[in-house]
Amino acid sequence: MNPTHEEKIRLVSMLADFVNATADFVTKEQDADLESFGRIQNILSQAATELRQCFLEINSVLAGSDIRSDIREKLEAQYRTSIRVLQFEDIVQQILEHSQKQKFALVEAMRVLHKATDELKYSAAEGEEFYELVLECKKELDELIATHGQLNPVKQTSLESGDVELF
């Protein structure tokens, strides 16, 4: 038994309510995440600024010629380690940026779904025409997913190893 047009509209309306509730939830979560991301970025920025200041001071100490060679070697080793650790800030910033982009893509996907369910809800299309409208909505969502569906390019597994692909 095929559903009547009214039954289809009722089902699409229920789907629209589901999409709207999900979109509201995702938007609230995104807002909370953006606030957290901002705090993390501020803390990282402060830490990186302090570490850069330490580098300046270490450079001035290393520039002096009256440092014993064994102490100079230890300072230089610590300096190299500090530079590697400073790369951590850049890696985390990239991960945060990627996460924010993915969150925005999710909200955009919810917007596309909302628009699609509204189009379907108010459409007078029936039969094959209704099916084609559903396919067109799915195509728009698929294009969005293909555009924003990149995996996280930051592959760093630790400060010692990993692969970072800039984006």
C-alpha atoms as a PDB file:
ATOM      1  CA  MET A   1       0.000   0.000   0.000  1.00  0.00           C
ATOM      2  CA  ASN A   2       1.409   3.351  -1.068  1.00  0.00           C
ATOM      3  CA  PRO A   3       1.116   6.244   1.366  1.00  0.00           C
ATOM      4  CA  THR A   4      -1.162   9.082   0.364  1.00  0.00           C
ATOM      5  CA  HIS A   5       0.216  12.523  -0.314  1.00  0.00           C
ATOM      6  CA  GLU A   6      -1.075  13.671   3.087  1.00  0.00           C
ATOM      7  CA  GLU A   7       0.702  10.784   4.798  1.00  0.00           C
ATOM      8  CA  LYS A   8       3.923  11.670   2.991  1.00  0.00           C
ATOM      9  CA  ILE A   9       3.582  15.283   4.085  1.00  0.00           C
ATOM     10  CA  ARG A  10       2.941  14.169   7.664  1.00  0.00           C
ATOM     11  CA  LEU A  11       6.053  11.952   7.577  1.00  0.00           C
ATOM     12  CA  VAL A  12       8.140  14.760   6.103  1.00  0.00           C
ATOM     13  CA  SER A  13       6.809  17.124   8.794  1.00  0.00           C
ATOM     14  CA  MET A  14       7.884  14.652  11.462  1.00  0.00           C
ATOM     15  CA  LEU A  15      11.280  14.395   9.798  1.00  0.00           C
ATOM     16  CA  ALA A  16      11.488  18.199   9.673  1.00  0.00           C
ATOM     17  CA  ASP A  17      10.784  18.373  13.411  1.00  0.00           C
ATOM     18  CA  PHE A  18      13.527  15.808  14.010  1.00  0.00           C
ATOM     19  CA  VAL A  19      15.965  17.741  11.814  1.00  0.00           C
ATOM     20  CA  ASN A  20      15.105  21.020  13.555  1.00  0.00           C
ATOM     21  CA  ALA A  21      15.614  19.516  17.010  1.00  0.00           C
ATOM     22  CA  THR A  22      18.909  17.991  15.907  1.00  0.00           C
ATOM     23  CA  ALA A  23      20.023  21.279  14.331  1.00  0.00           C
ATOM     24  CA  ASP A  24      19.228  23.151  17.550  1.00  0.00           C
ATOM     25  CA  PHE A  25      21.245  20.621  19.551  1.00  0.00           C
ATOM     26  CA  VAL A  26      24.204  20.761  17.138  1.00  0.00           C
ATOM     27  CA  THR A  27      24.159  24.570  17.145  1.00  0.00           C
ATOM     28  CA  LYS A  28      24.188  24.714  20.955  1.00  0.00           C
ATOM     29  CA  GLU A  29      27.026  22.196  21.074  1.00  0.00           C
ATOM     30  CA  GLN A  30      28.941  24.171  18.467  1.00  0.00           C
ATOM     31  CA  ASP A  31      28.562  27.366  20.470  1.00  0.00           C
ATOM     32  CA  ALA A  32      29.880  25.624  23.597  1.00  0.00           C
ATOM     33  CA  ASP A  33      32.755  24.099  21.633  1.00  0.00           C
ATOM     34  CA  LEU A  34      33.675  27.427  20.067  1.00  0.00           C
ATOM     35  CA  GLU A  35      33.880  28.957  23.526  1.00  0.00           C
ATOM     36  CA  SER A  36      36.114  26.091  24.672  1.00  0.00           C
ATOM     37  CA  PHE A  37      38.252  26.343  21.540  1.00  0.00           C
ATOM     38  CA  GLY A  38      38.701  30.058  22.191  1.00  0.00           C
ATOM     39  CA  ARG A  39      39.859  29.437  25.754  1.00  0.00           C
ATOM     40  CA  ILE A  40      42.274  26.725  24.631  1.00  0.00           C
ATOM     41  CA  GLN A  41      43.672  28.953  21.905  1.00  0.00           C
ATOM     42  CA  ASN A  42      44.199  31.804  24.384  1.00  0.00           C
ATOM     43  CA  ILE A  43      46.003  29.539  26.852  1.00  0.00           C
ATOM     44  CA  LEU A  44      48.198  28.089  24.107  1.00  0.00           C
ATOM     45  CA  SER A  45      48.975  31.538  22.798  1.00  0.00           C
ATOM     46  CA  GLN A  46      50.009  32.730  26.267  1.00  0.00           C
ATOM     47  CA  ALA A  47      52.213  29.665  26.766  1.00  0.00           C
ATOM     48  CA  ALA A  48      53.832  30.122  23.348  1.00  0.00           C
ATOM     49  CA  THR A  49      54.489  33.811  24.053  1.00  0.00           C
ATOM     50  CA  GLU A  50      56.199  32.958  27.354  1.00  0.00           C
ATOM     51  CA  LEU A  51      58.244  30.223  25.684  1.00  0.00           C
ATOM     52  CA  ARG A  52      59.335  32.620  22.941  1.00  0.00           C
ATOM     53  CA  GLN A  53      60.472  35.063  25.623  1.00  0.00           C
ATOM     54  CA  CYS A  54      62.515  32.279  27.211  1.00  0.00           C
ATOM     55  CA  PHE A  55      64.119  31.635  23.821  1.00  0.00           C
ATOM     56  CA  LEU A  56      65.182  35.254  23.606  1.00  0.00           C
ATOM     57  CA  GLU A  57      66.769  35.038  27.027  1.00  0.00           C
ATOM     58  CA  ILE A  58      68.501  31.730  26.212  1.00  0.00           C
ATOM     59  CA  ASN A  59      69.803  33.239  22.977  1.00  0.00           C
ATOM     60  CA  SER A  60      71.312  36.150  24.852  1.00  0.00           C
ATOM     61  CA  VAL A  61      72.976  33.767  27.332  1.00  0.00           C
ATOM     62  CA  LEU A  62      74.282  31.543  24.514  1.00  0.00           C
ATOM     63  CA  ALA A  63      75.622  34.595  22.689  1.00  0.00           C
ATOM     64  CA  GLY A  64      78.019  35.226  25.578  1.00  0.00           C
ATOM     65  CA  SER A  65      81.487  33.814  25.078  1.00  0.00           C
ATOM     66  CA  ASP A  66      82.198  33.238  28.767  1.00  0.00           C
ATOM     67  CA  ILE A  67      80.038  30.079  29.109  1.00  0.00           C
ATOM     68  CA  ARG A  68      81.805  26.779  29.694  1.00  0.00           C
ATOM     69  CA  SER A  69      81.464  24.383  26.761  1.00  0.00           C
ATOM     70  CA  ASP A  70      79.728  21.652  28.802  1.00  0.00           C
ATOM     71  CA  ILE A  71      77.118  24.135  30.027  1.00  0.00           C
ATOM     72  CA  ARG A  72      76.722  25.553  26.505  1.00  0.00           C
ATOM     73  CA  GLU A  73      76.070  22.038  25.151  1.00  0.00           C
ATOM     74  CA  LYS A  74      73.422  21.384  27.802  1.00  0.00           C
ATOM     75  CA  LEU A  75      71.732  24.737  27.136  1.00  0.00           C
ATOM     76  CA  GLU A  76      71.770  24.134  23.389  1.00  0.00           C
ATOM     77  CA  ALA A  77      70.224  20.667  23.878  1.00  0.00           C
ATOM     78  CA  GLN A  78      67.485  22.160  26.064  1.00  0.00           C
ATOM     79  CA  TYR A  79      66.970  24.913  23.513  1.00  0.00           C
ATOM     80  CA  ARG A  80      66.445  22.352  20.711  1.00  0.00           C
ATOM     81  CA  THR A  81      64.031  20.408  22.899  1.00  0.00           C
ATOM     82  CA  SER A  82      62.125  23.607  23.683  1.00  0.00           C
ATOM     83  CA  ILE A  83      61.804  24.412  19.994  1.00  0.00           C
ATOM     84  CA  ARG A  84      60.348  20.955  19.373  1.00  0.00           C
ATOM     85  CA  VAL A  85      57.903  21.437  22.231  1.00  0.00           C
ATOM     86  CA  LEU A  86      56.892  24.825  20.826  1.00  0.00           C
ATOM     87  CA  GLN A  87      55.784  22.994  17.679  1.00  0.00           C
ATOM     88  CA  PHE A  88      53.127  21.413  19.898  1.00  0.00           C
ATOM     89  CA  GLU A  89      51.318  24.745  20.027  1.00  0.00           C
ATOM     90  CA  ASP A  90      51.165  24.871  16.240  1.00  0.00           C
ATOM     91  CA  ILE A  91      49.924  21.288  16.016  1.00  0.00           C
ATOM     92  CA  VAL A  92      47.167  21.909  18.559  1.00  0.00           C
ATOM     93  CA  GLN A  93      46.132  25.129  16.792  1.00  0.00           C
ATOM     94  CA  GLN A  94      45.819  23.184  13.523  1.00  0.00           C
ATOM     95  CA  ILE A  95      43.759  20.458  15.178  1.00  0.00           C
ATOM     96  CA  LEU A  96      41.466  23.072  16.735  1.00  0.00           C
ATOM     97  CA  GLU A  97      41.071  24.875  13.415  1.00  0.00           C
ATOM     98  CA  HIS A  98      40.209  21.638  11.652  1.00  0.00           C
ATOM     99  CA  SER A  99      37.689  20.734  14.366  1.00  0.00           C
ATOM    100  CA  GLN A 100      36.021  24.130  14.038  1.00  0.00           C
ATOM    101  CA  LYS A 101      35.727  23.708  10.267  1.00  0.00           C
ATOM    102  CA  GLN A 102      34.140  20.299  10.746  1.00  0.00           C
ATOM    103  CA  LYS A 103      31.665  21.719  13.270  1.00  0.00           C
ATOM    104  CA  PHE A 104      30.681  24.477  10.842  1.00  0.00           C
ATOM    105  CA  ALA A 105      30.227  21.845   8.122  1.00  0.00           C
ATOM    106  CA  LEU A 106      27.931  19.871  10.420  1.00  0.00           C
ATOM    107  CA  VAL A 107      25.797  22.943  11.091  1.00  0.00           C
ATOM    108  CA  GLU A 108      25.684  23.621   7.341  1.00  0.00           C
ATOM    109  CA  ALA A 109      24.571  20.026   6.749  1.00  0.00           C
ATOM    110  CA  MET A 110      21.770  20.538   9.245  1.00  0.00           C
ATOM    111  CA  ARG A 111      20.769  23.727   7.406  1.00  0.00           C
ATOM    112  CA  VAL A 112      20.641  21.801   4.126  1.00  0.00           C
ATOM    113  CA  LEU A 113      18.512  19.090   5.745  1.00  0.00           C
ATOM    114  CA  HIS A 114      16.186  21.710   7.219  1.00  0.00           C
ATOM    115  CA  LYS A 115      15.786  23.405   3.843  1.00  0.00           C
ATOM    116  CA  ALA A 116      15.176  20.055   2.161  1.00  0.00           C
ATOM    117  CA  THR A 117      12.515  18.965   4.634  1.00  0.00           C
ATOM    118  CA  ASP A 118      10.774  22.328   4.263  1.00  0.00           C
ATOM    119  CA  GLU A 119      10.801  21.931   0.483  1.00  0.00           C
ATOM    120  CA  LEU A 120       9.392  18.442   0.792  1.00  0.00           C
ATOM    121  CA  LYS A 121       6.835  19.430   3.414  1.00  0.00           C
ATOM    122  CA  TYR A 122       5.356  22.197   1.276  1.00  0.00           C
ATOM    123  CA  SER A 123       5.749  20.445  -2.053  1.00  0.00           C
ATOM    124  CA  ALA A 124       2.722  19.357  -4.030  1.00  0.00           C
ATOM    125  CA  ALA A 125       4.893  16.793  -5.814  1.00  0.00           C
ATOM    126  CA  GLU A 126       3.700  13.213  -5.851  1.00  0.00           C
ATOM    127  CA  GLY A 127       5.017   9.902  -7.062  1.00  0.00           C
ATOM    128  CA  GLU A 128       8.120  10.077  -9.234  1.00  0.00           C
ATOM    129  CA  GLU A 129       8.281  13.872  -8.913  1.00  0.00           C
ATOM    130  CA  PHE A 130       8.371  13.584  -5.095  1.00  0.00           C
ATOM    131  CA  TYR A 131      11.093  10.918  -5.355  1.00  0.00           C
ATOM    132  CA  GLU A 132      13.150  13.175  -7.680  1.00  0.00           C
ATOM    133  CA  LEU A 133      12.848  16.026  -5.176  1.00  0.00           C
ATOM    134  CA  VAL A 134      14.157  13.746  -2.415  1.00  0.00           C
ATOM    135  CA  LEU A 135      17.066  12.699  -4.650  1.00  0.00           C
ATOM    136  CA  GLU A 136      17.906  16.342  -5.399  1.00  0.00           C
ATOM    137  CA  CYS A 137      17.985  17.113  -1.662  1.00  0.00           C
ATOM    138  CA  LYS A 138      20.250  14.111  -1.073  1.00  0.00           C
ATOM    139  CA  LYS A 139      22.532  15.225  -3.900  1.00  0.00           C
ATOM    140  CA  GLU A 140      22.938  18.659  -2.280  1.00  0.00           C
ATOM    141  CA  LEU A 141      23.808  17.034   1.045  1.00  0.00           C
ATOM    142  CA  ASP A 142      26.245  14.612  -0.637  1.00  0.00           C
ATOM    143  CA  GLU A 143      28.021  17.552  -2.315  1.00  0.00           C
ATOM    144  CA  LEU A 144      28.357  19.312   1.029  1.00  0.00           C
ATOM    145  CA  ILE A 145      29.764  16.181   2.646  1.00  0.00           C
ATOM    146  CA  ALA A 146      32.227  15.680  -0.210  1.00  0.00           C
ATOM    147  CA  THR A 147      33.396  19.288   0.109  1.00  0.00           C
ATOM    148  CA  HIS A 148      33.811  19.281   3.899  1.00  0.00           C
ATOM    149  CA  GLY A 149      34.425  15.626   4.621  1.00  0.00           C
ATOM    150  CA  GLN A 150      38.220  15.724   4.730  1.00  0.00           C
ATOM    151  CA  LEU A 151      39.906  13.746   7.432  1.00  0.00           C
ATOM    152  CA  ASN A 152      42.001  15.553   9.992  1.00  0.00           C
ATOM    153  CA  PRO A 153      45.324  16.170   8.218  1.00  0.00           C
ATOM    154  CA  VAL A 154      47.258  16.552  11.461  1.00  0.00           C
ATOM    155  CA  LYS A 155      48.760  13.117  12.022  1.00  0.00           C
ATOM    156  CA  GLN A 156      51.122  13.944  14.861  1.00  0.00           C
ATOM    157  CA  THR A 157      51.009  11.136  17.411  1.00  0.00           C
ATOM    158  CA  SER A 158      53.522  12.616  19.848  1.00  0.00           C
ATOM    159  CA  LEU A 159      56.153  15.303  19.989  1.00  0.00           C
ATOM    160  CA  GLU A 160      58.697  12.689  18.968  1.00  0.00           C
ATOM    161  CA  SER A 161      56.949  11.163  15.945  1.00  0.00           C
ATOM    162  CA  GLY A 162      54.133  11.626  13.486  1.00  0.00           C
ATOM    163  CA  ASP A 163      53.419  13.394  10.256  1.00  0.00           C
ATOM    164  CA  VAL A 164      51.968  16.875   9.945  1.00  0.00           C
ATOM    165  CA  GLU A 165      50.287  17.780   6.682  1.00  0.00           C
ATOM    166  CA  LEU A 166      49.534  21.475   6.583  1.00  0.00           C
ATOM    167  CA  PHE A 167      46.144  22.576   5.321  1.00  0.00           C
END
